C-alpha atoms as a PDB file:
ATOM      1  CA  UNK A   1     100.344 -39.781   1.145  1.00  0.00           C
ATOM      2  CA  UNK A   2      99.422 -37.117  -0.406  1.00  0.00           C
ATOM      3  CA  UNK A   3     101.328 -37.731  -3.684  1.00  0.00           C
ATOM      4  CA  UNK A   4      99.490 -40.809  -4.245  1.00  0.00           C
ATOM      5  CA  UNK A   5      95.507 -39.658  -3.721  1.00  0.00           C
ATOM      6  CA  UNK A   6      95.574 -36.824  -6.883  1.00  0.00           C
ATOM      7  CA  UNK A   7      97.109 -39.916  -9.268  1.00  0.00           C
ATOM      8  CA  UNK A   8      93.991 -41.838  -7.944  1.00  0.00           C
ATOM      9  CA  UNK A   9      91.834 -39.388  -8.650  1.00  0.00           C
ATOM     10  CA  UNK A  10      93.243 -38.530 -11.972  1.00  0.00           C
ATOM     11  CA  UNK A  11      92.665 -41.713 -13.093  1.00  0.00           C
ATOM     12  CA  UNK A  12      89.176 -42.665 -11.989  1.00  0.00           C
ATOM     13  CA  UNK A  13      88.090 -39.064 -13.399  1.00  0.00           C
ATOM     14  CA  UNK A  14      89.751 -40.249 -16.921  1.00  0.00           C
ATOM     15  CA  UNK A  15      88.486 -43.565 -16.371  1.00  0.00           C
ATOM     16  CA  UNK A  16      84.735 -41.859 -15.998  1.00  0.00           C
ATOM     17  CA  UNK A  17      84.926 -39.796 -18.865  1.00  0.00           C
ATOM     18  CA  UNK A  18      86.252 -42.203 -21.316  1.00  0.00           C
ATOM     19  CA  UNK A  19      83.249 -44.312 -19.940  1.00  0.00           C
ATOM     20  CA  UNK A  20      81.060 -41.672 -19.947  1.00  0.00           C
ATOM     21  CA  UNK A  21      81.383 -41.138 -23.697  1.00  0.00           C
ATOM     22  CA  UNK A  22      81.189 -44.752 -24.655  1.00  0.00           C
ATOM     23  CA  UNK A  23      77.956 -44.890 -23.482  1.00  0.00           C
ATOM     24  CA  UNK A  24      76.885 -41.639 -25.515  1.00  0.00           C
ATOM     25  CA  UNK A  25      78.385 -42.956 -28.530  1.00  0.00           C
ATOM     26  CA  UNK A  26      76.476 -46.391 -27.786  1.00  0.00           C
ATOM     27  CA  UNK A  27      73.045 -44.650 -27.494  1.00  0.00           C
ATOM     28  CA  UNK A  28      73.836 -42.777 -30.819  1.00  0.00           C
ATOM     29  CA  UNK A  29      74.472 -46.003 -32.299  1.00  0.00           C
ATOM     30  CA  UNK A  30      71.404 -47.763 -31.137  1.00  0.00           C
ATOM     31  CA  UNK A  31      69.360 -44.605 -31.897  1.00  0.00           C
ATOM     32  CA  UNK A  32      70.679 -43.586 -35.244  1.00  0.00           C
ATOM     33  CA  UNK A  33      71.463 -46.627 -37.383  1.00  0.00           C
ATOM     34  CA  UNK A  34      68.929 -48.261 -39.182  1.00  0.00           C
ATOM     35  CA  UNK A  35      67.971 -51.441 -38.591  1.00  0.00           C
ATOM     36  CA  UNK A  36      68.351 -53.247 -41.947  1.00  0.00           C
ATOM     37  CA  UNK A  37      65.762 -56.365 -40.811  1.00  0.00           C
ATOM     38  CA  UNK A  38      62.808 -54.459 -40.476  1.00  0.00           C
ATOM     39  CA  UNK A  39      60.515 -54.593 -43.102  1.00  0.00           C
ATOM     40  CA  UNK A  40      58.615 -51.799 -44.393  1.00  0.00           C
ATOM     41  CA  UNK A  41      55.646 -50.475 -42.348  1.00  0.00           C
ATOM     42  CA  UNK A  42      52.232 -51.163 -44.039  1.00  0.00           C
ATOM     43  CA  UNK A  43      51.584 -49.180 -46.942  1.00  0.00           C
ATOM     44  CA  UNK A  44      55.044 -47.660 -48.013  1.00  0.00           C
ATOM     45  CA  UNK A  45      55.967 -48.084 -50.992  1.00  0.00           C
ATOM     46  CA  UNK A  46      59.968 -48.174 -52.105  1.00  0.00           C
ATOM     47  CA  UNK A  47      61.804 -45.779 -54.115  1.00  0.00           C
ATOM     48  CA  UNK A  48      61.695 -47.200 -56.799  1.00  0.00           C
ATOM     49  CA  UNK A  49      57.725 -47.729 -56.646  1.00  0.00           C
ATOM     50  CA  UNK A  50      57.856 -44.112 -55.885  1.00  0.00           C
ATOM     51  CA  UNK A  51      59.746 -42.670 -59.060  1.00  0.00           C
ATOM     52  CA  UNK A  52      57.056 -45.041 -61.194  1.00  0.00           C
ATOM     53  CA  UNK A  53      54.249 -43.397 -60.064  1.00  0.00           C
ATOM     54  CA  UNK A  54      55.795 -40.146 -60.177  1.00  0.00           C
ATOM     55  CA  UNK A  55      57.269 -40.868 -63.958  1.00  0.00           C
ATOM     56  CA  UNK A  56      53.241 -42.149 -64.753  1.00  0.00           C
ATOM     57  CA  UNK A  57      51.721 -38.598 -62.877  1.00  0.00           C
ATOM     58  CA  UNK A  58      53.774 -36.625 -64.598  1.00  0.00           C
ATOM     59  CA  UNK A  59      52.965 -38.117 -68.209  1.00  0.00           C
ATOM     60  CA  UNK A  60      49.180 -37.699 -67.416  1.00  0.00           C
ATOM     61  CA  UNK A  61      49.982 -34.221 -66.008  1.00  0.00           C
ATOM     62  CA  UNK A  62      51.731 -33.033 -69.664  1.00  0.00           C
ATOM     63  CA  UNK A  63      49.025 -34.919 -71.742  1.00  0.00           C
ATOM     64  CA  UNK A  64      46.855 -32.619 -70.081  1.00  0.00           C
ATOM     65  CA  UNK A  65      48.340 -29.520 -70.255  1.00  0.00           C
ATOM     66  CA  UNK A  66      49.403 -30.137 -74.051  1.00  0.00           C
ATOM     67  CA  UNK A  67      46.351 -31.679 -75.522  1.00  0.00           C
ATOM     68  CA  UNK A  68      42.382 -30.748 -76.412  1.00  0.00           C
ATOM     69  CA  UNK A  69      40.087 -32.710 -74.546  1.00  0.00           C
ATOM     70  CA  UNK A  70      36.603 -32.554 -72.984  1.00  0.00           C
ATOM     71  CA  UNK A  71      36.575 -31.817 -68.942  1.00  0.00           C
ATOM     72  CA  UNK A  72      32.499 -31.862 -69.069  1.00  0.00           C
ATOM     73  CA  UNK A  73      30.834 -32.449 -72.134  1.00  0.00           C
ATOM     74  CA  UNK A  74      27.667 -31.944 -71.547  1.00  0.00           C
ATOM     75  CA  UNK A  75      28.686 -28.406 -70.348  1.00  0.00           C
ATOM     76  CA  UNK A  76      30.344 -27.560 -72.975  1.00  0.00           C
ATOM     77  CA  UNK A  77      33.754 -27.382 -71.260  1.00  0.00           C
ATOM     78  CA  UNK A  78      36.691 -27.939 -73.008  1.00  0.00           C
ATOM     79  CA  UNK A  79      40.480 -28.302 -71.799  1.00  0.00           C
ATOM     80  CA  UNK A  80      42.666 -27.002 -74.282  1.00  0.00           C
ATOM     81  CA  UNK A  81      46.670 -26.898 -74.351  1.00  0.00           C
ATOM     82  CA  UNK A  82      48.472 -23.729 -72.459  1.00  0.00           C
ATOM     83  CA  UNK A  83      50.083 -22.318 -75.300  1.00  0.00           C
ATOM     84  CA  UNK A  84      47.165 -21.881 -76.994  1.00  0.00           C
ATOM     85  CA  UNK A  85      45.137 -20.712 -73.968  1.00  0.00           C
ATOM     86  CA  UNK A  86      48.041 -17.889 -73.689  1.00  0.00           C
ATOM     87  CA  UNK A  87      47.732 -17.047 -77.720  1.00  0.00           C
ATOM     88  CA  UNK A  88      44.257 -16.607 -77.474  1.00  0.00           C
ATOM     89  CA  UNK A  89      44.474 -14.727 -73.788  1.00  0.00           C
ATOM     90  CA  UNK A  90      46.813 -12.392 -75.637  1.00  0.00           C
ATOM     91  CA  UNK A  91      44.988 -12.105 -78.562  1.00  0.00           C
ATOM     92  CA  UNK A  92      41.562 -11.277 -76.784  1.00  0.00           C
ATOM     93  CA  UNK A  93      44.010  -8.308 -74.654  1.00  0.00           C
ATOM     94  CA  UNK A  94      44.686  -6.805 -77.971  1.00  0.00           C
ATOM     95  CA  UNK A  95      41.519  -6.696 -79.415  1.00  0.00           C
ATOM     96  CA  UNK A  96      40.248  -4.709 -75.556  1.00  0.00           C
ATOM     97  CA  UNK A  97      43.168  -2.119 -76.428  1.00  0.00           C
END
């Protein structure tokens, strides 16, 4: 009679461990796999839209860093290309020596 009890106890323990593992995997699947059917929240942009906005922003910033233009014309504030600004700064610092 004592031989039958350890086999039953081992079987119950094995089933409990496997069942616990399966429940854990089920929770992971439910929690971490995205649901493809849910729509994007309001105001969320798709990756394609974000890439388009980023490329437009970069083009605008490049144009601002490489062209001349008025920042505040009544007060005489201008925008100059970065390369030209560096040249003027170097010339100004050389003149101070």
